[in-house]
Amino acid sequence: MSIPPRGPEPDPPPEGAVQPPRGDLAQPPPTEEAEPGPDAATGAPAPDDEYAVALREAEDRWRRALADLDNLRKRHARELQREAAAERARTAAAFLPVIDNLELALSHAAADPDAIVEGVRAVRDQAVNVLEQLGYPRHAERGVSFDPARHEVVGVIQDPDAAPNTVVQVLRPGYGEADRQLRPAAVTVAKRE
């Protein structure tokens, strides 16, 4: 392959001068780049890059916050389960002496019947005391005004000795106060004449 002849060589450029590109060298295709801004010399990212970096950082913080929140929710659920189990254990432990005394009463069943009745009453009083210590006092008062928050009417009777709308008989005692009530007392109430 032969090299085409070239014309006379131009004068060499002065020393230190930048040489123009030669026509026989491949030129890179022209690109449409924006004029470099004042930050081009410092190498700082362009504004679009700053926004992308800020977006990535915000997204990372958001994901970390979600993970922290999920971990907190799981930890709180575990603590609630632990507290509920501990409370059940404390309540069950409070009733163990009641069960022990009932078993003791049953073991003496062949003995004096009056002693058995007295023992069962003592165990009942002990159970009522445990409920009171747990925050559920017993309500079995007669002669008090009917309170729908504390009483459940199961019957109405006419009693000339009782004022109208008062509790005449307690069929089943209630336990607890107002919003912390295990159950209302089942009562019969004197009706109005």
C-alpha atoms as a PDB file:
ATOM      1  CA  MET A   1       0.000   0.000   0.000  1.00  0.00           C
ATOM      2  CA  SER A   2       1.413   3.302  -0.990  1.00  0.00           C
ATOM      3  CA  ILE A   3       1.205   6.540   0.896  1.00  0.00           C
ATOM      4  CA  PRO A   4      -0.153   9.407  -1.143  1.00  0.00           C
ATOM      5  CA  PRO A   5       2.325  12.183  -1.729  1.00  0.00           C
ATOM      6  CA  ARG A   6       1.914  15.256   0.361  1.00  0.00           C
ATOM      7  CA  GLY A   7       2.586  18.759  -0.490  1.00  0.00           C
ATOM      8  CA  PRO A   8       5.403  20.788   0.924  1.00  0.00           C
ATOM      9  CA  GLU A   9       5.654  20.635   4.718  1.00  0.00           C
ATOM     10  CA  PRO A  10       4.561  23.806   6.488  1.00  0.00           C
ATOM     11  CA  ASP A  11       6.952  25.657   8.701  1.00  0.00           C
ATOM     12  CA  PRO A  12       7.272  24.129  12.121  1.00  0.00           C
ATOM     13  CA  PRO A  13       5.359  26.033  14.810  1.00  0.00           C
ATOM     14  CA  PRO A  14       7.284  28.038  17.347  1.00  0.00           C
ATOM     15  CA  GLU A  15       8.569  26.280  20.400  1.00  0.00           C
ATOM     16  CA  GLY A  16       5.919  25.727  23.140  1.00  0.00           C
ATOM     17  CA  ALA A  17       3.033  26.411  20.795  1.00  0.00           C
ATOM     18  CA  VAL A  18       0.102  24.009  20.620  1.00  0.00           C
ATOM     19  CA  GLN A  19      -0.025  22.192  17.361  1.00  0.00           C
ATOM     20  CA  PRO A  20      -3.286  22.154  15.435  1.00  0.00           C
ATOM     21  CA  PRO A  21      -4.793  18.745  14.806  1.00  0.00           C
ATOM     22  CA  ARG A  22      -3.568  17.049  11.751  1.00  0.00           C
ATOM     23  CA  GLY A  23      -6.122  16.086   9.158  1.00  0.00           C
ATOM     24  CA  ASP A  24      -4.873  12.522   8.881  1.00  0.00           C
ATOM     25  CA  LEU A  25      -5.536  11.756  12.564  1.00  0.00           C
ATOM     26  CA  ALA A  26      -8.969  10.545  13.578  1.00  0.00           C
ATOM     27  CA  GLN A  27     -10.896  13.268  15.342  1.00  0.00           C
ATOM     28  CA  PRO A  28     -13.318  12.418  18.145  1.00  0.00           C
ATOM     29  CA  PRO A  29     -16.936  13.160  17.244  1.00  0.00           C
ATOM     30  CA  PRO A  30     -18.074  16.529  18.470  1.00  0.00           C
ATOM     31  CA  THR A  31     -20.087  16.367  21.717  1.00  0.00           C
ATOM     32  CA  GLU A  32     -22.656  18.793  22.874  1.00  0.00           C
ATOM     33  CA  GLU A  33     -21.411  19.694  26.304  1.00  0.00           C
ATOM     34  CA  ALA A  34     -22.501  22.712  28.211  1.00  0.00           C
ATOM     35  CA  GLU A  35     -19.995  25.371  28.880  1.00  0.00           C
ATOM     36  CA  PRO A  36     -18.123  24.529  32.055  1.00  0.00           C
ATOM     37  CA  GLY A  37     -19.317  26.658  34.935  1.00  0.00           C
ATOM     38  CA  PRO A  38     -17.267  28.354  37.597  1.00  0.00           C
ATOM     39  CA  ASP A  39     -17.158  25.083  39.598  1.00  0.00           C
ATOM     40  CA  ALA A  40     -15.542  23.166  36.729  1.00  0.00           C
ATOM     41  CA  ALA A  41     -12.057  24.062  37.878  1.00  0.00           C
ATOM     42  CA  THR A  42     -12.670  22.909  41.461  1.00  0.00           C
ATOM     43  CA  GLY A  43     -14.216  19.586  40.447  1.00  0.00           C
ATOM     44  CA  ALA A  44     -17.407  20.193  42.479  1.00  0.00           C
ATOM     45  CA  PRO A  45     -20.420  18.238  41.242  1.00  0.00           C
ATOM     46  CA  ALA A  46     -22.902  19.918  38.990  1.00  0.00           C
ATOM     47  CA  PRO A  47     -26.246  20.959  40.541  1.00  0.00           C
ATOM     48  CA  ASP A  48     -27.974  17.847  39.154  1.00  0.00           C
ATOM     49  CA  ASP A  49     -25.400  15.682  40.913  1.00  0.00           C
ATOM     50  CA  GLU A  50     -25.940  17.583  44.183  1.00  0.00           C
ATOM     51  CA  TYR A  51     -29.662  16.877  44.001  1.00  0.00           C
ATOM     52  CA  ALA A  52     -29.064  13.212  43.242  1.00  0.00           C
ATOM     53  CA  VAL A  53     -26.671  12.917  46.189  1.00  0.00           C
ATOM     54  CA  ALA A  54     -29.134  14.706  48.490  1.00  0.00           C
ATOM     55  CA  LEU A  55     -31.927  12.429  47.276  1.00  0.00           C
ATOM     56  CA  ARG A  56     -29.852   9.313  47.937  1.00  0.00           C
ATOM     57  CA  GLU A  57     -28.976  10.579  51.433  1.00  0.00           C
ATOM     58  CA  ALA A  58     -32.609  11.391  52.225  1.00  0.00           C
ATOM     59  CA  GLU A  59     -33.700   7.988  50.926  1.00  0.00           C
ATOM     60  CA  ASP A  60     -31.052   6.310  53.073  1.00  0.00           C
ATOM     61  CA  ARG A  61     -32.170   8.236  56.179  1.00  0.00           C
ATOM     62  CA  TRP A  62     -35.795   7.339  55.406  1.00  0.00           C
ATOM     63  CA  ARG A  63     -34.995   3.625  55.086  1.00  0.00           C
ATOM     64  CA  ARG A  64     -33.018   3.696  58.326  1.00  0.00           C
ATOM     65  CA  ALA A  65     -35.878   5.470  60.113  1.00  0.00           C
ATOM     66  CA  LEU A  66     -38.330   2.828  58.835  1.00  0.00           C
ATOM     67  CA  ALA A  67     -36.039   0.051  60.047  1.00  0.00           C
ATOM     68  CA  ASP A  68     -35.667   1.746  63.453  1.00  0.00           C
ATOM     69  CA  LEU A  69     -39.437   2.132  63.725  1.00  0.00           C
ATOM     70  CA  ASP A  70     -40.009  -1.514  62.823  1.00  0.00           C
ATOM     71  CA  ASN A  71     -37.421  -2.608  65.405  1.00  0.00           C
ATOM     72  CA  LEU A  72     -39.074  -0.394  68.020  1.00  0.00           C
ATOM     73  CA  ARG A  73     -42.498  -1.867  67.233  1.00  0.00           C
ATOM     74  CA  LYS A  74     -41.163  -5.424  67.560  1.00  0.00           C
ATOM     75  CA  ARG A  75     -39.334  -4.598  70.808  1.00  0.00           C
ATOM     76  CA  HIS A  76     -42.477  -2.994  72.245  1.00  0.00           C
ATOM     77  CA  ALA A  77     -44.582  -6.047  71.311  1.00  0.00           C
ATOM     78  CA  ARG A  78     -42.042  -8.336  73.038  1.00  0.00           C
ATOM     79  CA  GLU A  79     -42.075  -6.135  76.160  1.00  0.00           C
ATOM     80  CA  LEU A  80     -45.889  -6.180  76.254  1.00  0.00           C
ATOM     81  CA  GLN A  81     -45.906  -9.980  76.007  1.00  0.00           C
ATOM     82  CA  ARG A  82     -43.303 -10.204  78.776  1.00  0.00           C
ATOM     83  CA  GLU A  83     -45.307  -7.843  81.019  1.00  0.00           C
ATOM     84  CA  ALA A  84     -48.559  -9.723  80.377  1.00  0.00           C
ATOM     85  CA  ALA A  85     -46.889 -13.030  81.226  1.00  0.00           C
ATOM     86  CA  ALA A  86     -45.388 -11.556  84.397  1.00  0.00           C
ATOM     87  CA  GLU A  87     -48.764 -10.149  85.465  1.00  0.00           C
ATOM     88  CA  ARG A  88     -50.471 -13.496  84.856  1.00  0.00           C
ATOM     89  CA  ALA A  89     -47.781 -15.193  86.945  1.00  0.00           C
ATOM     90  CA  ARG A  90     -48.222 -12.681  89.808  1.00  0.00           C
ATOM     91  CA  THR A  91     -51.996 -13.171  89.758  1.00  0.00           C
ATOM     92  CA  ALA A  92     -51.727 -16.953  89.685  1.00  0.00           C
ATOM     93  CA  ALA A  93     -49.174 -16.862  92.525  1.00  0.00           C
ATOM     94  CA  ALA A  94     -51.595 -14.756  94.606  1.00  0.00           C
ATOM     95  CA  PHE A  95     -54.208 -17.530  94.304  1.00  0.00           C
ATOM     96  CA  LEU A  96     -51.879 -20.406  95.239  1.00  0.00           C
ATOM     97  CA  PRO A  97     -52.540 -20.070  99.001  1.00  0.00           C
ATOM     98  CA  VAL A  98     -56.294 -20.174  98.290  1.00  0.00           C
ATOM     99  CA  ILE A  99     -55.893 -23.452  96.402  1.00  0.00           C
ATOM    100  CA  ASP A 100     -53.639 -24.839  99.160  1.00  0.00           C
ATOM    101  CA  ASN A 101     -56.274 -24.028 101.791  1.00  0.00           C
ATOM    102  CA  LEU A 102     -59.073 -25.581  99.699  1.00  0.00           C
ATOM    103  CA  GLU A 103     -57.054 -28.781  99.405  1.00  0.00           C
ATOM    104  CA  LEU A 104     -56.442 -28.713 103.139  1.00  0.00           C
ATOM    105  CA  ALA A 105     -60.192 -28.312 103.746  1.00  0.00           C
ATOM    106  CA  LEU A 106     -60.949 -31.245 101.416  1.00  0.00           C
ATOM    107  CA  SER A 107     -58.434 -33.437 103.207  1.00  0.00           C
ATOM    108  CA  HIS A 108     -60.337 -32.804 106.473  1.00  0.00           C
ATOM    109  CA  ALA A 109     -63.756 -33.508 104.940  1.00  0.00           C
ATOM    110  CA  ALA A 110     -64.363 -36.509 107.213  1.00  0.00           C
ATOM    111  CA  ALA A 111     -63.843 -34.369 110.307  1.00  0.00           C
ATOM    112  CA  ASP A 112     -66.397 -32.115 111.971  1.00  0.00           C
ATOM    113  CA  PRO A 113     -68.805 -30.633 109.333  1.00  0.00           C
ATOM    114  CA  ASP A 114     -68.960 -27.317 111.189  1.00  0.00           C
ATOM    115  CA  ALA A 115     -65.179 -27.016 110.956  1.00  0.00           C
ATOM    116  CA  ILE A 116     -65.378 -27.680 107.198  1.00  0.00           C
ATOM    117  CA  VAL A 117     -67.937 -24.892 106.729  1.00  0.00           C
ATOM    118  CA  GLU A 118     -65.799 -22.548 108.798  1.00  0.00           C
ATOM    119  CA  GLY A 119     -62.708 -23.509 106.790  1.00  0.00           C
ATOM    120  CA  VAL A 120     -64.482 -22.940 103.459  1.00  0.00           C
ATOM    121  CA  ARG A 121     -65.630 -19.501 104.665  1.00  0.00           C
ATOM    122  CA  ALA A 122     -62.058 -18.658 105.623  1.00  0.00           C
ATOM    123  CA  VAL A 123     -60.835 -19.721 102.166  1.00  0.00           C
ATOM    124  CA  ARG A 124     -63.565 -17.627 100.519  1.00  0.00           C
ATOM    125  CA  ASP A 125     -62.520 -14.620 102.601  1.00  0.00           C
ATOM    126  CA  GLN A 126     -58.927 -15.227 101.587  1.00  0.00           C
ATOM    127  CA  ALA A 127     -59.912 -15.291  97.880  1.00  0.00           C
ATOM    128  CA  VAL A 128     -61.940 -12.091  98.275  1.00  0.00           C
ATOM    129  CA  ASN A 129     -58.918 -10.493  99.969  1.00  0.00           C
ATOM    130  CA  VAL A 130     -56.683 -11.524  97.042  1.00  0.00           C
ATOM    131  CA  LEU A 131     -59.109  -9.914  94.577  1.00  0.00           C
ATOM    132  CA  GLU A 132     -59.140  -6.753  96.690  1.00  0.00           C
ATOM    133  CA  GLN A 133     -55.332  -6.636  96.689  1.00  0.00           C
ATOM    134  CA  LEU A 134     -55.430  -6.957  92.882  1.00  0.00           C
ATOM    135  CA  GLY A 135     -57.670  -3.866  92.783  1.00  0.00           C
ATOM    136  CA  TYR A 136     -61.116  -5.494  92.591  1.00  0.00           C
ATOM    137  CA  PRO A 137     -62.947  -4.973  95.914  1.00  0.00           C
ATOM    138  CA  ARG A 138     -66.154  -6.912  96.584  1.00  0.00           C
ATOM    139  CA  HIS A 139     -69.541  -5.154  96.458  1.00  0.00           C
ATOM    140  CA  ALA A 140     -72.455  -6.964  98.060  1.00  0.00           C
ATOM    141  CA  GLU A 141     -74.209  -4.206 100.027  1.00  0.00           C
ATOM    142  CA  ARG A 142     -77.961  -4.250 100.585  1.00  0.00           C
ATOM    143  CA  GLY A 143     -80.055  -1.167 101.246  1.00  0.00           C
ATOM    144  CA  VAL A 144     -77.976   1.084  98.967  1.00  0.00           C
ATOM    145  CA  SER A 145     -79.385   3.003  96.016  1.00  0.00           C
ATOM    146  CA  PHE A 146     -79.364   1.163  92.725  1.00  0.00           C
ATOM    147  CA  ASP A 147     -76.345   2.210  90.603  1.00  0.00           C
ATOM    148  CA  PRO A 148     -76.384   0.914  87.002  1.00  0.00           C
ATOM    149  CA  ALA A 149     -72.595   1.171  86.872  1.00  0.00           C
ATOM    150  CA  ARG A 150     -72.227  -1.255  89.807  1.00  0.00           C
ATOM    151  CA  HIS A 151     -75.434  -3.306  89.757  1.00  0.00           C
ATOM    152  CA  GLU A 152     -77.220  -5.587  87.329  1.00  0.00           C
ATOM    153  CA  VAL A 153     -80.943  -5.941  88.028  1.00  0.00           C
ATOM    154  CA  VAL A 154     -82.140  -9.533  87.814  1.00  0.00           C
ATOM    155  CA  GLY A 155     -85.436  -8.961  89.588  1.00  0.00           C
ATOM    156  CA  VAL A 156     -87.781  -6.327  90.930  1.00  0.00           C
ATOM    157  CA  ILE A 157     -89.861  -6.923  94.041  1.00  0.00           C
ATOM    158  CA  GLN A 158     -92.312  -4.929  96.078  1.00  0.00           C
ATOM    159  CA  ASP A 159     -90.967  -4.405  99.587  1.00  0.00           C
ATOM    160  CA  PRO A 160     -92.856  -2.028 101.890  1.00  0.00           C
ATOM    161  CA  ASP A 161     -89.838  -1.773 104.226  1.00  0.00           C
ATOM    162  CA  ALA A 162     -87.402  -0.653 101.465  1.00  0.00           C
ATOM    163  CA  ALA A 163     -87.277   2.688  99.725  1.00  0.00           C
ATOM    164  CA  PRO A 164     -87.999   2.563  95.987  1.00  0.00           C
ATOM    165  CA  ASN A 165     -85.032   1.918  93.710  1.00  0.00           C
ATOM    166  CA  THR A 166     -82.851   0.429  96.453  1.00  0.00           C
ATOM    167  CA  VAL A 167     -81.034  -2.912  96.495  1.00  0.00           C
ATOM    168  CA  VAL A 168     -83.070  -5.429  98.506  1.00  0.00           C
ATOM    169  CA  GLN A 169     -81.108  -8.610  97.857  1.00  0.00           C
ATOM    170  CA  VAL A 170     -77.672  -9.421  96.380  1.00  0.00           C
ATOM    171  CA  LEU A 171     -77.766 -12.667  94.415  1.00  0.00           C
ATOM    172  CA  ARG A 172     -74.199 -12.503  93.164  1.00  0.00           C
ATOM    173  CA  PRO A 173     -71.606 -10.022  94.489  1.00  0.00           C
ATOM    174  CA  GLY A 174     -69.790  -7.647  92.154  1.00  0.00           C
ATOM    175  CA  TYR A 175     -66.064  -6.995  92.035  1.00  0.00           C
ATOM    176  CA  GLY A 176     -64.214  -3.842  91.040  1.00  0.00           C
ATOM    177  CA  GLU A 177     -64.768  -0.111  90.789  1.00  0.00           C
ATOM    178  CA  ALA A 178     -66.378   1.918  87.967  1.00  0.00           C
ATOM    179  CA  ASP A 179     -64.222   1.437  84.845  1.00  0.00           C
ATOM    180  CA  ARG A 180     -62.125  -1.355  86.426  1.00  0.00           C
ATOM    181  CA  GLN A 181     -64.913  -3.802  87.099  1.00  0.00           C
ATOM    182  CA  LEU A 182     -64.718  -7.570  86.764  1.00  0.00           C
ATOM    183  CA  ARG A 183     -68.492  -7.844  86.950  1.00  0.00           C
ATOM    184  CA  PRO A 184     -71.444  -5.926  88.398  1.00  0.00           C
ATOM    185  CA  ALA A 185     -73.406  -7.248  91.355  1.00  0.00           C
ATOM    186  CA  ALA A 186     -76.576  -9.166  90.424  1.00  0.00           C
ATOM    187  CA  VAL A 187     -79.326  -7.685  92.593  1.00  0.00           C
ATOM    188  CA  THR A 188     -83.066  -7.448  93.120  1.00  0.00           C
ATOM    189  CA  VAL A 189     -84.398  -3.939  93.513  1.00  0.00           C
ATOM    190  CA  ALA A 190     -87.461  -2.559  95.311  1.00  0.00           C
ATOM    191  CA  LYS A 191     -89.924  -1.164  92.819  1.00  0.00           C
ATOM    192  CA  ARG A 192     -91.760   2.102  93.041  1.00  0.00           C
ATOM    193  CA  GLU A 193     -95.340   2.002  94.177  1.00  0.00           C
END
